[in-house]
C-alpha cells in the first residue's frame, strides 16, 4: 500500500469555528466545503474538520472518552499558550513543575478535542 496523503480529521458541530481555530494555531488557511473544511499550511493539507451535528466533546481526562489528540512541539510556550487561548482554546492542565527539561500542557480546541503544547527547556 502506498499512502499518498495523511490527514487527521476532527468531528465538530461547528465546522467553521473548529477549522478557523486549527488554521490559526497552525498558521494556515481554510479550504471550505459545506460540511468539510481542509486546513492547509503552506498549501499542504494538515488537518480537516467534518460536520458532525451530534458531536459530543470528550471530557478530558475523565468522562466521555478522548477520541484523538495532537502533540504540537513549540519553541516558546508562553507565546504559544497566549496564542492558543486567543484563538479559543481552553487550558485543561498546566505543566507540572519538575526537573525534567521536557514538559507539556493540555488544552481543548473549541469543539473540546484535547491537544498538547509540548516543549523542551533550554538548559544553557
N, C-alpha and C. Protein backbone atom coordinates (compact mmCIF):
# COMPACT_ATOMS: atom_id res chain seq x y z
N UNK A 1 0.84 -1.17 0.00
CA UNK A 1 0.00 0.00 0.00
C UNK A 1 0.89 1.24 0.00
N UNK A 2 0.55 2.19 -0.83
CA UNK A 2 1.27 3.46 -0.88
C UNK A 2 0.33 4.57 -0.43
N UNK A 3 0.62 5.18 0.69
CA UNK A 3 -0.19 6.29 1.20
C UNK A 3 0.32 7.57 0.56
N UNK A 4 -0.54 8.27 -0.16
CA UNK A 4 -0.13 9.49 -0.84
C UNK A 4 -0.33 10.73 0.02
N UNK A 5 -1.22 10.64 0.99
CA UNK A 5 -1.51 11.80 1.84
C UNK A 5 -2.15 11.28 3.11
N UNK A 6 -1.85 11.94 4.23
CA UNK A 6 -2.44 11.56 5.51
C UNK A 6 -2.93 12.82 6.19
N UNK A 7 -4.18 12.80 6.66
CA UNK A 7 -4.77 13.95 7.32
C UNK A 7 -5.58 13.46 8.51
N UNK A 8 -5.41 14.10 9.66
CA UNK A 8 -6.24 13.85 10.82
C UNK A 8 -7.52 14.66 10.65
N UNK A 9 -8.67 14.05 10.89
CA UNK A 9 -9.96 14.71 10.71
C UNK A 9 -10.66 14.81 12.07
N UNK A 10 -11.05 16.04 12.41
CA UNK A 10 -11.80 16.29 13.64
C UNK A 10 -13.28 16.37 13.32
N UNK A 11 -14.12 15.74 14.14
CA UNK A 11 -15.56 15.92 14.05
C UNK A 11 -15.94 17.16 14.86
N UNK A 12 -16.91 17.92 14.37
CA UNK A 12 -17.36 19.11 15.10
C UNK A 12 -18.76 19.50 14.64
N UNK A 13 -19.53 20.02 15.58
CA UNK A 13 -20.86 20.53 15.24
C UNK A 13 -20.76 21.88 14.55
N UNK A 14 -19.73 22.65 14.87
CA UNK A 14 -19.49 23.97 14.26
C UNK A 14 -18.19 23.89 13.46
N UNK A 15 -18.33 23.54 12.19
CA UNK A 15 -17.18 23.30 11.33
C UNK A 15 -16.35 24.58 11.14
N UNK A 16 -17.02 25.72 10.99
CA UNK A 16 -16.30 26.98 10.74
C UNK A 16 -15.44 27.37 11.94
N UNK A 17 -15.97 27.29 13.14
CA UNK A 17 -15.20 27.65 14.33
C UNK A 17 -14.02 26.71 14.51
N UNK A 18 -14.26 25.43 14.35
CA UNK A 18 -13.20 24.43 14.54
C UNK A 18 -12.08 24.59 13.50
N UNK A 19 -12.44 24.74 12.24
CA UNK A 19 -11.40 24.87 11.20
C UNK A 19 -10.66 26.20 11.33
N UNK A 20 -11.34 27.26 11.70
CA UNK A 20 -10.67 28.55 11.92
C UNK A 20 -9.67 28.47 13.06
N UNK A 21 -10.05 27.76 14.13
CA UNK A 21 -9.14 27.57 15.26
C UNK A 21 -7.86 26.88 14.80
N UNK A 22 -7.99 25.74 14.12
CA UNK A 22 -6.80 24.99 13.71
C UNK A 22 -5.99 25.74 12.67
N UNK A 23 -6.63 26.46 11.76
CA UNK A 23 -5.89 27.27 10.80
C UNK A 23 -5.08 28.34 11.53
N UNK A 24 -5.69 28.98 12.52
CA UNK A 24 -4.98 30.00 13.29
C UNK A 24 -3.82 29.42 14.08
N UNK A 25 -4.04 28.29 14.74
CA UNK A 25 -2.99 27.69 15.56
C UNK A 25 -1.84 27.16 14.72
N UNK A 26 -2.14 26.60 13.55
CA UNK A 26 -1.10 26.02 12.70
C UNK A 26 -0.54 27.01 11.68
N UNK A 27 -1.08 28.22 11.64
CA UNK A 27 -0.60 29.21 10.68
C UNK A 27 -1.01 28.90 9.26
N UNK A 28 -2.23 28.44 9.09
CA UNK A 28 -2.69 28.03 7.76
C UNK A 28 -3.93 28.77 7.32
N UNK A 29 -4.58 28.19 6.32
CA UNK A 29 -5.81 28.73 5.76
C UNK A 29 -6.84 27.61 5.68
N UNK A 30 -8.09 27.99 5.44
CA UNK A 30 -9.16 27.01 5.37
C UNK A 30 -9.71 26.95 3.94
N UNK A 31 -9.79 25.75 3.40
CA UNK A 31 -10.49 25.49 2.15
C UNK A 31 -11.81 24.83 2.56
N UNK A 32 -12.93 25.55 2.36
CA UNK A 32 -14.21 25.12 2.92
C UNK A 32 -15.18 24.61 1.87
N UNK A 33 -15.78 23.47 2.17
CA UNK A 33 -16.98 22.99 1.51
C UNK A 33 -18.08 23.07 2.57
N UNK A 34 -19.29 22.69 2.21
CA UNK A 34 -20.40 22.82 3.16
C UNK A 34 -20.15 22.11 4.48
N UNK A 35 -19.81 20.83 4.42
CA UNK A 35 -19.68 20.05 5.66
C UNK A 35 -18.27 19.46 5.84
N UNK A 36 -17.30 20.03 5.14
CA UNK A 36 -15.92 19.54 5.21
C UNK A 36 -14.99 20.73 4.99
N UNK A 37 -14.09 20.97 5.91
CA UNK A 37 -13.10 22.03 5.77
C UNK A 37 -11.71 21.42 5.88
N UNK A 38 -10.84 21.77 4.95
CA UNK A 38 -9.45 21.32 4.98
C UNK A 38 -8.59 22.49 5.42
N UNK A 39 -7.72 22.25 6.40
CA UNK A 39 -6.77 23.27 6.84
C UNK A 39 -5.46 23.03 6.10
N UNK A 40 -5.04 24.05 5.37
CA UNK A 40 -3.81 23.97 4.58
C UNK A 40 -2.73 24.82 5.23
N UNK A 41 -1.52 24.29 5.29
CA UNK A 41 -0.36 25.03 5.77
C UNK A 41 0.67 24.99 4.66
N UNK A 42 1.08 26.17 4.21
CA UNK A 42 1.98 26.26 3.06
C UNK A 42 1.44 25.49 1.87
N UNK A 43 0.11 25.54 1.69
CA UNK A 43 -0.55 24.89 0.56
C UNK A 43 -0.75 23.40 0.71
N UNK A 44 -0.30 22.81 1.81
CA UNK A 44 -0.41 21.36 2.02
C UNK A 44 -1.46 21.05 3.08
N UNK A 45 -2.28 20.02 2.87
CA UNK A 45 -3.28 19.63 3.87
C UNK A 45 -2.61 19.19 5.17
N UNK A 46 -3.11 19.70 6.29
CA UNK A 46 -2.58 19.31 7.61
C UNK A 46 -3.62 18.58 8.44
N UNK A 47 -4.78 19.20 8.62
CA UNK A 47 -5.90 18.58 9.33
C UNK A 47 -7.17 18.96 8.61
N UNK A 48 -8.24 18.23 8.91
CA UNK A 48 -9.54 18.54 8.31
C UNK A 48 -10.59 18.51 9.41
N UNK A 49 -11.74 19.11 9.11
CA UNK A 49 -12.87 19.12 10.03
C UNK A 49 -14.10 18.72 9.24
N UNK A 50 -14.84 17.74 9.77
CA UNK A 50 -16.08 17.35 9.11
C UNK A 50 -17.26 17.61 10.02
N UNK A 51 -18.38 17.95 9.41
CA UNK A 51 -19.59 18.23 10.16
C UNK A 51 -20.09 16.97 10.84
N UNK A 52 -20.31 17.10 12.13
CA UNK A 52 -20.90 16.04 12.93
C UNK A 52 -21.89 16.71 13.88
N UNK A 53 -23.14 16.91 13.42
CA UNK A 53 -24.10 17.70 14.19
C UNK A 53 -24.34 17.19 15.62
N UNK A 54 -24.15 15.91 15.85
CA UNK A 54 -24.38 15.33 17.17
C UNK A 54 -23.09 15.08 17.94
N UNK A 55 -22.02 15.76 17.55
CA UNK A 55 -20.73 15.56 18.20
C UNK A 55 -20.83 15.85 19.70
N UNK A 56 -20.29 14.93 20.49
CA UNK A 56 -20.22 15.10 21.94
C UNK A 56 -18.74 15.26 22.29
N UNK A 57 -18.34 16.43 22.81
CA UNK A 57 -16.93 16.63 23.12
C UNK A 57 -16.44 15.66 24.19
N UNK A 58 -15.20 15.20 24.05
CA UNK A 58 -14.63 14.39 25.11
C UNK A 58 -14.46 15.24 26.37
N UNK A 59 -14.50 14.61 27.51
CA UNK A 59 -14.30 15.30 28.78
C UNK A 59 -13.00 14.79 29.38
N UNK A 60 -11.91 15.47 29.04
CA UNK A 60 -10.59 15.03 29.46
C UNK A 60 -10.33 15.43 30.89
N UNK A 61 -9.76 14.63 31.74
CA UNK A 61 -9.28 13.28 31.47
C UNK A 61 -10.33 12.20 31.74
N UNK A 62 -11.43 12.56 32.40
CA UNK A 62 -12.47 11.58 32.71
C UNK A 62 -13.74 11.96 31.97
N UNK A 63 -14.67 11.05 31.89
CA UNK A 63 -15.93 11.35 31.23
C UNK A 63 -15.97 10.74 29.84
N UNK A 64 -16.60 11.45 28.89
CA UNK A 64 -16.66 10.94 27.52
C UNK A 64 -15.25 10.66 27.04
N UNK A 65 -15.02 9.52 26.41
CA UNK A 65 -13.64 9.14 26.07
C UNK A 65 -12.99 10.08 25.06
N UNK A 66 -11.70 10.28 25.27
CA UNK A 66 -10.90 11.04 24.31
C UNK A 66 -10.86 10.24 23.02
N UNK A 67 -11.02 10.91 21.90
CA UNK A 67 -11.04 10.21 20.62
C UNK A 67 -9.70 10.26 19.91
N UNK A 68 -9.00 11.38 20.06
CA UNK A 68 -7.71 11.58 19.42
C UNK A 68 -7.12 12.84 20.02
N UNK A 69 -5.80 12.99 19.96
CA UNK A 69 -5.21 14.27 20.33
C UNK A 69 -3.92 14.48 19.57
N UNK A 70 -3.54 15.74 19.41
CA UNK A 70 -2.30 16.11 18.74
C UNK A 70 -1.31 16.62 19.78
N UNK A 71 -0.05 16.27 19.60
CA UNK A 71 1.05 16.87 20.36
C UNK A 71 1.75 17.84 19.41
N UNK A 72 1.80 19.11 19.79
CA UNK A 72 2.43 20.14 18.98
C UNK A 72 3.64 20.67 19.74
N UNK A 73 4.83 20.49 19.18
CA UNK A 73 6.08 20.94 19.82
C UNK A 73 6.32 22.39 19.44
N UNK A 74 6.52 23.25 20.46
CA UNK A 74 6.68 24.68 20.24
C UNK A 74 8.01 25.16 20.82
N UNK A 75 8.51 26.28 20.29
CA UNK A 75 9.75 26.88 20.79
C UNK A 75 9.50 27.76 22.01
N UNK A 76 8.39 28.48 22.02
CA UNK A 76 8.10 29.45 23.07
C UNK A 76 6.74 29.13 23.67
N UNK A 77 6.72 28.44 24.80
CA UNK A 77 5.45 28.01 25.38
C UNK A 77 4.61 29.20 25.83
N UNK A 78 5.23 30.25 26.35
CA UNK A 78 4.43 31.39 26.82
C UNK A 78 3.67 32.05 25.67
N UNK A 79 4.37 32.32 24.57
CA UNK A 79 3.71 32.93 23.41
C UNK A 79 2.70 31.97 22.79
N UNK A 80 3.03 30.69 22.72
CA UNK A 80 2.13 29.70 22.14
C UNK A 80 0.88 29.54 22.99
N UNK A 81 1.04 29.57 24.30
CA UNK A 81 -0.09 29.49 25.23
C UNK A 81 -1.05 30.66 24.99
N UNK A 82 -0.50 31.87 24.95
CA UNK A 82 -1.34 33.05 24.72
C UNK A 82 -2.07 32.97 23.38
N UNK A 83 -1.36 32.54 22.35
CA UNK A 83 -1.98 32.45 21.02
C UNK A 83 -3.09 31.41 21.00
N UNK A 84 -2.84 30.25 21.60
CA UNK A 84 -3.87 29.20 21.63
C UNK A 84 -5.13 29.70 22.34
N UNK A 85 -4.95 30.36 23.48
CA UNK A 85 -6.11 30.88 24.22
C UNK A 85 -6.84 31.96 23.42
N UNK A 86 -6.09 32.82 22.74
CA UNK A 86 -6.73 33.89 21.96
C UNK A 86 -7.53 33.34 20.79
N UNK A 87 -7.17 32.15 20.32
CA UNK A 87 -7.88 31.52 19.22
C UNK A 87 -9.10 30.71 19.68
N UNK A 88 -9.24 30.55 21.00
CA UNK A 88 -10.41 29.84 21.52
C UNK A 88 -10.11 28.56 22.27
N UNK A 89 -8.85 28.24 22.49
CA UNK A 89 -8.50 27.05 23.26
C UNK A 89 -8.82 27.25 24.74
N UNK A 90 -8.97 26.16 25.44
CA UNK A 90 -9.17 26.15 26.89
C UNK A 90 -8.04 25.34 27.51
N UNK A 91 -7.38 25.88 28.52
CA UNK A 91 -6.33 25.14 29.22
C UNK A 91 -6.99 24.10 30.12
N UNK A 92 -6.64 22.83 29.91
CA UNK A 92 -7.20 21.75 30.73
C UNK A 92 -6.25 21.36 31.86
N UNK A 93 -4.94 21.39 31.58
CA UNK A 93 -3.96 21.06 32.62
C UNK A 93 -2.67 21.79 32.34
N UNK A 94 -2.24 22.58 33.32
CA UNK A 94 -0.97 23.30 33.22
C UNK A 94 0.18 22.32 33.43
N UNK A 95 1.36 22.72 33.00
CA UNK A 95 2.55 21.89 33.16
C UNK A 95 2.84 21.66 34.64
N UNK A 96 3.33 20.49 34.92
CA UNK A 96 3.75 20.15 36.28
C UNK A 96 5.18 20.62 36.48
N UNK A 97 5.47 21.20 37.63
CA UNK A 97 6.84 21.61 37.94
C UNK A 97 7.69 20.36 38.16
N UNK A 98 8.84 20.31 37.49
CA UNK A 98 9.75 19.18 37.68
C UNK A 98 11.12 19.57 37.16
N UNK A 99 12.08 18.71 37.40
CA UNK A 99 13.44 18.92 36.89
C UNK A 99 13.58 18.42 35.45
N UNK A 100 12.57 17.75 34.95
CA UNK A 100 12.59 17.23 33.59
C UNK A 100 12.57 18.39 32.60
N UNK A 101 13.51 18.44 31.66
CA UNK A 101 13.52 19.55 30.70
C UNK A 101 12.37 19.51 29.70
N UNK A 102 11.76 18.35 29.50
CA UNK A 102 10.63 18.23 28.58
C UNK A 102 9.34 18.35 29.36
N UNK A 103 8.39 19.12 28.83
CA UNK A 103 7.12 19.29 29.52
C UNK A 103 6.01 19.52 28.51
N UNK A 104 4.78 19.60 29.00
CA UNK A 104 3.62 19.83 28.13
C UNK A 104 2.48 20.39 28.95
N UNK A 105 1.53 21.01 28.24
CA UNK A 105 0.27 21.46 28.81
C UNK A 105 -0.84 20.92 27.93
N UNK A 106 -1.97 20.61 28.54
CA UNK A 106 -3.10 20.04 27.81
C UNK A 106 -4.17 21.11 27.65
N UNK A 107 -4.68 21.22 26.42
CA UNK A 107 -5.70 22.20 26.06
C UNK A 107 -6.86 21.47 25.38
N UNK A 108 -7.96 22.18 25.20
CA UNK A 108 -9.06 21.69 24.37
C UNK A 108 -9.31 22.72 23.28
N UNK A 109 -9.57 22.25 22.07
CA UNK A 109 -9.94 23.15 20.98
C UNK A 109 -11.41 23.55 21.16
N UNK A 110 -11.96 24.41 20.31
CA UNK A 110 -13.35 24.87 20.50
C UNK A 110 -14.39 23.74 20.53
N UNK A 111 -14.12 22.62 19.86
CA UNK A 111 -15.08 21.50 19.88
C UNK A 111 -14.81 20.55 21.04
N UNK A 112 -13.79 20.83 21.85
CA UNK A 112 -13.50 20.01 23.02
C UNK A 112 -12.43 18.96 22.83
N UNK A 113 -11.83 18.86 21.63
CA UNK A 113 -10.78 17.87 21.40
C UNK A 113 -9.51 18.27 22.15
N UNK A 114 -8.96 17.39 22.98
CA UNK A 114 -7.71 17.71 23.67
C UNK A 114 -6.53 17.77 22.70
N UNK A 115 -5.57 18.64 23.00
CA UNK A 115 -4.29 18.67 22.31
C UNK A 115 -3.25 19.18 23.30
N UNK A 116 -1.99 18.88 23.01
CA UNK A 116 -0.91 19.28 23.92
C UNK A 116 0.05 20.23 23.23
N UNK A 117 0.46 21.26 23.94
CA UNK A 117 1.61 22.06 23.53
C UNK A 117 2.78 21.54 24.35
N UNK A 118 3.82 21.08 23.64
CA UNK A 118 4.97 20.43 24.27
C UNK A 118 6.22 21.25 24.00
N UNK A 119 7.19 21.16 24.89
CA UNK A 119 8.44 21.89 24.70
C UNK A 119 9.56 21.22 25.48
N UNK A 120 10.79 21.59 25.11
CA UNK A 120 11.98 21.17 25.83
C UNK A 120 12.66 22.44 26.32
N UNK A 121 12.90 22.52 27.62
CA UNK A 121 13.54 23.70 28.20
C UNK A 121 14.97 23.79 27.71
N UNK A 122 15.41 25.00 27.43
CA UNK A 122 16.80 25.25 27.06
C UNK A 122 17.63 25.16 28.33
N UNK A 123 18.61 24.26 28.35
CA UNK A 123 19.40 24.03 29.57
C UNK A 123 20.74 24.74 29.56
N UNK A 124 20.85 25.80 28.77
CA UNK A 124 22.12 26.55 28.75
C UNK A 124 22.29 27.34 30.00
